[in-house]
């Protein structure tokens, strides 16, 4: 039960973090170019995340050591972390957008 709740929390958090900026700017007509900017950056972040996973392809611990028991784990490579890359990409995008807004006004 705890694992399912944590997985749900993690998935919902990632979805909210990726969709919220785009949705926020889509609601305001004059901010639609910013929404497109966020959507483009997120697409690039997800693209590079998949490329890095394919290039780096560090195996998950339960693939290497039979003593490690995984309750539920994806069948894809574990590192680099997609959650970490997405969080960094979103935070950097918001920071760059904010700095652009502040220096423009």
N, C-alpha and C. Protein backbone atom coordinates (compact mmCIF):
# COMPACT_ATOMS: atom_id res chain seq x y z
N UNK A 1 0.82 -1.20 0.00
CA UNK A 1 0.00 0.00 0.00
C UNK A 1 0.87 1.26 0.00
N UNK A 2 1.94 1.27 0.81
CA UNK A 2 2.81 2.43 0.88
C UNK A 2 3.50 2.67 -0.46
N UNK A 3 3.89 1.59 -1.12
CA UNK A 3 4.58 1.72 -2.41
C UNK A 3 3.63 2.29 -3.45
N UNK A 4 2.40 1.85 -3.46
CA UNK A 4 1.42 2.37 -4.42
C UNK A 4 1.14 3.84 -4.16
N UNK A 5 1.03 4.24 -2.90
CA UNK A 5 0.79 5.65 -2.57
C UNK A 5 1.98 6.51 -2.99
N UNK A 6 3.19 6.05 -2.73
CA UNK A 6 4.37 6.81 -3.12
C UNK A 6 4.47 6.92 -4.64
N UNK A 7 4.18 5.86 -5.34
CA UNK A 7 4.21 5.89 -6.80
C UNK A 7 3.17 6.87 -7.34
N UNK A 8 1.98 6.85 -6.76
CA UNK A 8 0.93 7.77 -7.17
C UNK A 8 1.33 9.21 -6.90
N UNK A 9 1.88 9.45 -5.71
CA UNK A 9 2.34 10.80 -5.33
C UNK A 9 3.42 11.28 -6.29
N UNK A 10 4.36 10.43 -6.61
CA UNK A 10 5.46 10.80 -7.50
C UNK A 10 4.95 11.08 -8.90
N UNK A 11 4.06 10.25 -9.40
CA UNK A 11 3.54 10.43 -10.75
C UNK A 11 2.68 11.69 -10.85
N UNK A 12 1.81 11.90 -9.87
CA UNK A 12 0.96 13.09 -9.90
C UNK A 12 1.80 14.35 -9.75
N UNK A 13 2.80 14.32 -8.88
CA UNK A 13 3.68 15.47 -8.72
C UNK A 13 4.41 15.83 -10.00
N UNK A 14 4.90 14.83 -10.71
CA UNK A 14 5.59 15.07 -11.98
C UNK A 14 4.63 15.63 -13.02
N UNK A 15 3.42 15.09 -13.07
CA UNK A 15 2.43 15.59 -14.02
C UNK A 15 2.05 17.04 -13.73
N UNK A 16 1.82 17.36 -12.47
CA UNK A 16 1.45 18.73 -12.10
C UNK A 16 2.60 19.68 -12.42
N UNK A 17 3.82 19.29 -12.11
CA UNK A 17 4.97 20.15 -12.36
C UNK A 17 5.20 20.40 -13.84
N UNK A 18 4.86 19.46 -14.68
CA UNK A 18 5.08 19.64 -16.11
C UNK A 18 3.90 20.33 -16.80
N UNK A 19 2.71 20.08 -16.33
CA UNK A 19 1.52 20.63 -16.99
C UNK A 19 1.13 22.01 -16.46
N UNK A 20 1.40 22.30 -15.21
CA UNK A 20 0.95 23.55 -14.59
C UNK A 20 1.45 24.80 -15.31
N UNK A 21 2.75 24.93 -15.62
CA UNK A 21 3.17 26.16 -16.31
C UNK A 21 2.51 26.35 -17.67
N UNK A 22 2.40 25.27 -18.42
CA UNK A 22 1.78 25.37 -19.74
C UNK A 22 0.31 25.74 -19.60
N UNK A 23 -0.40 25.06 -18.70
CA UNK A 23 -1.83 25.34 -18.49
C UNK A 23 -2.07 26.74 -17.98
N UNK A 24 -1.20 27.22 -17.10
CA UNK A 24 -1.36 28.56 -16.53
C UNK A 24 -1.32 29.62 -17.63
N UNK A 25 -0.36 29.51 -18.53
CA UNK A 25 -0.23 30.52 -19.57
C UNK A 25 -1.23 30.33 -20.70
N UNK A 26 -1.77 29.13 -20.88
CA UNK A 26 -2.80 28.93 -21.89
C UNK A 26 -4.10 29.61 -21.51
N UNK A 27 -4.35 29.78 -20.22
CA UNK A 27 -5.59 30.41 -19.77
C UNK A 27 -5.63 31.91 -20.10
N UNK A 28 -4.49 32.52 -20.24
CA UNK A 28 -4.43 33.94 -20.54
C UNK A 28 -3.98 34.10 -21.99
N UNK A 29 -4.84 34.68 -22.82
CA UNK A 29 -4.60 34.74 -24.26
C UNK A 29 -3.30 35.46 -24.60
N UNK A 30 -2.99 36.54 -23.90
CA UNK A 30 -1.77 37.31 -24.22
C UNK A 30 -0.50 36.57 -23.82
N UNK A 31 -0.63 35.49 -23.05
CA UNK A 31 0.53 34.72 -22.59
C UNK A 31 0.73 33.42 -23.38
N UNK A 32 0.02 33.26 -24.47
CA UNK A 32 0.14 32.01 -25.22
C UNK A 32 1.53 31.76 -25.78
N UNK A 33 2.29 32.78 -26.20
CA UNK A 33 3.68 32.49 -26.63
C UNK A 33 4.53 31.90 -25.50
N UNK A 34 4.30 32.34 -24.28
CA UNK A 34 5.04 31.77 -23.15
C UNK A 34 4.65 30.31 -22.94
N UNK A 35 3.38 30.01 -23.16
CA UNK A 35 2.94 28.63 -23.04
C UNK A 35 3.63 27.76 -24.08
N UNK A 36 3.75 28.27 -25.29
CA UNK A 36 4.44 27.53 -26.34
C UNK A 36 5.92 27.34 -25.97
N UNK A 37 6.52 28.38 -25.38
CA UNK A 37 7.91 28.30 -24.92
C UNK A 37 8.07 27.18 -23.90
N UNK A 38 7.19 27.13 -22.91
CA UNK A 38 7.26 26.08 -21.89
C UNK A 38 7.05 24.70 -22.50
N UNK A 39 6.10 24.59 -23.39
CA UNK A 39 5.83 23.30 -24.03
C UNK A 39 7.03 22.84 -24.85
N UNK A 40 7.66 23.77 -25.55
CA UNK A 40 8.85 23.43 -26.34
C UNK A 40 10.00 22.98 -25.45
N UNK A 41 10.22 23.71 -24.37
CA UNK A 41 11.31 23.33 -23.45
C UNK A 41 11.05 21.97 -22.84
N UNK A 42 9.81 21.69 -22.44
CA UNK A 42 9.50 20.39 -21.85
C UNK A 42 9.71 19.26 -22.87
N UNK A 43 9.36 19.51 -24.11
CA UNK A 43 9.59 18.52 -25.16
C UNK A 43 11.09 18.24 -25.31
N UNK A 44 11.89 19.28 -25.30
CA UNK A 44 13.34 19.13 -25.42
C UNK A 44 13.90 18.38 -24.21
N UNK A 45 13.40 18.72 -23.01
CA UNK A 45 13.86 18.05 -21.78
C UNK A 45 13.55 16.55 -21.86
N UNK A 46 12.33 16.19 -22.26
CA UNK A 46 11.97 14.78 -22.36
C UNK A 46 12.77 14.07 -23.44
N UNK A 47 13.04 14.76 -24.55
CA UNK A 47 13.84 14.17 -25.62
C UNK A 47 15.25 13.83 -25.11
N UNK A 48 15.90 14.83 -24.49
CA UNK A 48 17.26 14.59 -24.00
C UNK A 48 17.28 13.59 -22.85
N UNK A 49 16.23 13.56 -22.05
CA UNK A 49 16.17 12.57 -20.98
C UNK A 49 16.23 11.15 -21.56
N UNK A 50 15.48 10.91 -22.61
CA UNK A 50 15.49 9.59 -23.23
C UNK A 50 16.82 9.30 -23.91
N UNK A 51 17.42 10.30 -24.55
CA UNK A 51 18.72 10.10 -25.18
C UNK A 51 19.78 9.77 -24.14
N UNK A 52 19.78 10.52 -23.01
CA UNK A 52 20.77 10.26 -21.96
C UNK A 52 20.60 8.87 -21.35
N UNK A 53 19.35 8.45 -21.17
CA UNK A 53 19.11 7.11 -20.62
C UNK A 53 19.64 6.04 -21.58
N UNK A 54 19.44 6.23 -22.88
CA UNK A 54 19.93 5.26 -23.85
C UNK A 54 21.46 5.25 -23.93
N UNK A 55 22.07 6.42 -23.78
CA UNK A 55 23.53 6.51 -23.87
C UNK A 55 24.20 6.00 -22.60
N UNK A 56 23.70 6.43 -21.46
CA UNK A 56 24.34 6.09 -20.19
C UNK A 56 23.98 4.68 -19.74
N UNK A 57 22.74 4.30 -19.88
CA UNK A 57 22.15 2.98 -19.56
C UNK A 57 22.80 2.24 -18.39
N UNK A 58 22.73 2.85 -17.24
CA UNK A 58 23.20 2.21 -16.01
C UNK A 58 22.13 1.21 -15.54
N UNK A 59 22.47 -0.04 -15.33
CA UNK A 59 21.46 -1.03 -14.95
C UNK A 59 20.89 -0.77 -13.55
N UNK A 60 19.67 -1.19 -13.37
CA UNK A 60 19.04 -1.08 -12.05
C UNK A 60 19.67 -2.12 -11.11
N UNK A 61 19.69 -1.82 -9.81
CA UNK A 61 20.37 -2.72 -8.86
C UNK A 61 19.82 -4.15 -8.86
N UNK A 62 18.54 -4.33 -9.04
CA UNK A 62 17.99 -5.68 -9.00
C UNK A 62 18.35 -6.48 -10.24
N UNK A 63 18.86 -5.83 -11.30
CA UNK A 63 19.36 -6.57 -12.47
C UNK A 63 20.73 -7.17 -12.19
N UNK A 64 21.51 -6.50 -11.34
CA UNK A 64 22.90 -6.89 -11.11
C UNK A 64 23.04 -7.85 -9.94
N UNK A 65 22.31 -7.59 -8.86
CA UNK A 65 22.45 -8.35 -7.63
C UNK A 65 21.15 -9.11 -7.33
N UNK A 66 21.20 -10.43 -7.29
CA UNK A 66 19.97 -11.20 -7.03
C UNK A 66 19.45 -11.02 -5.60
N UNK A 67 20.26 -10.47 -4.70
CA UNK A 67 19.80 -10.25 -3.33
C UNK A 67 18.88 -9.04 -3.20
N UNK A 68 18.88 -8.17 -4.19
CA UNK A 68 18.02 -6.99 -4.15
C UNK A 68 16.63 -7.39 -4.64
N UNK A 69 15.64 -7.15 -3.81
CA UNK A 69 14.26 -7.46 -4.17
C UNK A 69 13.54 -6.17 -4.57
N UNK A 70 13.00 -6.15 -5.76
CA UNK A 70 12.24 -5.00 -6.23
C UNK A 70 10.75 -5.36 -6.23
N UNK A 71 9.97 -4.55 -5.58
CA UNK A 71 8.53 -4.80 -5.54
C UNK A 71 7.90 -4.50 -6.88
N UNK A 72 8.07 -3.28 -7.31
CA UNK A 72 7.60 -2.88 -8.63
C UNK A 72 8.64 -1.92 -9.18
N UNK A 73 9.20 -2.28 -10.30
CA UNK A 73 10.24 -1.45 -10.88
C UNK A 73 10.11 -1.50 -12.39
N UNK A 74 10.32 -0.37 -13.05
CA UNK A 74 10.24 -0.38 -14.51
C UNK A 74 11.33 -1.24 -15.14
N UNK A 75 11.11 -1.61 -16.37
CA UNK A 75 12.08 -2.43 -17.09
C UNK A 75 13.09 -1.60 -17.86
N UNK A 76 13.05 -0.27 -17.71
CA UNK A 76 14.00 0.58 -18.41
C UNK A 76 15.19 0.89 -17.50
N UNK A 77 16.22 1.46 -18.07
CA UNK A 77 17.42 1.78 -17.31
C UNK A 77 17.11 2.82 -16.24
N UNK A 78 17.86 2.76 -15.14
CA UNK A 78 17.55 3.57 -13.98
C UNK A 78 18.22 4.93 -13.93
N UNK A 79 19.41 5.05 -14.45
CA UNK A 79 20.13 6.33 -14.37
C UNK A 79 20.43 6.83 -15.76
N UNK A 80 20.42 8.10 -15.96
CA UNK A 80 20.11 9.18 -15.04
C UNK A 80 18.62 9.23 -14.75
N UNK A 81 18.29 9.80 -13.61
CA UNK A 81 16.91 9.84 -13.16
C UNK A 81 16.07 10.79 -14.00
N UNK A 82 14.98 10.29 -14.52
CA UNK A 82 14.07 11.12 -15.30
C UNK A 82 13.39 12.18 -14.46
N UNK A 83 13.07 11.83 -13.21
CA UNK A 83 12.45 12.80 -12.32
C UNK A 83 13.41 13.96 -12.03
N UNK A 84 14.66 13.65 -11.81
CA UNK A 84 15.65 14.70 -11.53
C UNK A 84 15.88 15.59 -12.75
N UNK A 85 16.01 14.99 -13.90
CA UNK A 85 16.22 15.77 -15.11
C UNK A 85 15.03 16.67 -15.41
N UNK A 86 13.81 16.15 -15.24
CA UNK A 86 12.62 16.95 -15.49
C UNK A 86 12.51 18.08 -14.48
N UNK A 87 12.78 17.80 -13.21
CA UNK A 87 12.73 18.85 -12.19
C UNK A 87 13.73 19.95 -12.48
N UNK A 88 14.94 19.58 -12.85
CA UNK A 88 15.95 20.57 -13.18
C UNK A 88 15.54 21.38 -14.41
N UNK A 89 15.04 20.71 -15.42
CA UNK A 89 14.61 21.41 -16.64
C UNK A 89 13.49 22.40 -16.38
N UNK A 90 12.52 22.00 -15.58
CA UNK A 90 11.40 22.89 -15.27
C UNK A 90 11.86 24.06 -14.41
N UNK A 91 12.67 23.77 -13.39
CA UNK A 91 13.15 24.85 -12.52
C UNK A 91 14.00 25.85 -13.31
N UNK A 92 14.85 25.36 -14.19
CA UNK A 92 15.69 26.25 -14.97
C UNK A 92 14.85 27.07 -15.95
N UNK A 93 13.84 26.47 -16.53
CA UNK A 93 12.97 27.18 -17.46
C UNK A 93 12.21 28.29 -16.75
N UNK A 94 11.66 28.00 -15.59
CA UNK A 94 10.94 29.02 -14.82
C UNK A 94 11.90 30.14 -14.42
N UNK A 95 13.10 29.79 -13.99
CA UNK A 95 14.09 30.79 -13.59
C UNK A 95 14.48 31.68 -14.76
N UNK A 96 14.75 31.08 -15.92
CA UNK A 96 15.11 31.87 -17.10
C UNK A 96 13.95 32.76 -17.54
N UNK A 97 12.74 32.24 -17.49
CA UNK A 97 11.56 33.02 -17.85
C UNK A 97 11.38 34.19 -16.89
N UNK A 98 11.54 33.95 -15.62
CA UNK A 98 11.41 35.00 -14.61
C UNK A 98 12.48 36.07 -14.82
N UNK A 99 13.72 35.66 -15.02
CA UNK A 99 14.79 36.65 -15.24
C UNK A 99 14.56 37.46 -16.50
N UNK A 100 14.06 36.84 -17.54
CA UNK A 100 13.74 37.56 -18.77
C UNK A 100 12.63 38.57 -18.51
N UNK A 101 11.63 38.18 -17.76
CA UNK A 101 10.51 39.08 -17.44
C UNK A 101 10.99 40.27 -16.60
N UNK A 102 11.83 40.02 -15.60
CA UNK A 102 12.31 41.08 -14.70
C UNK A 102 13.22 42.06 -15.46
N UNK A 103 14.10 41.56 -16.29
CA UNK A 103 15.02 42.46 -17.00
C UNK A 103 14.30 43.22 -18.10
N UNK A 104 13.22 42.71 -18.60
CA UNK A 104 12.45 43.39 -19.66
C UNK A 104 11.63 44.54 -19.09
N UNK A 105 11.20 44.45 -17.85
CA UNK A 105 10.35 45.48 -17.25
C UNK A 105 11.13 46.44 -16.40
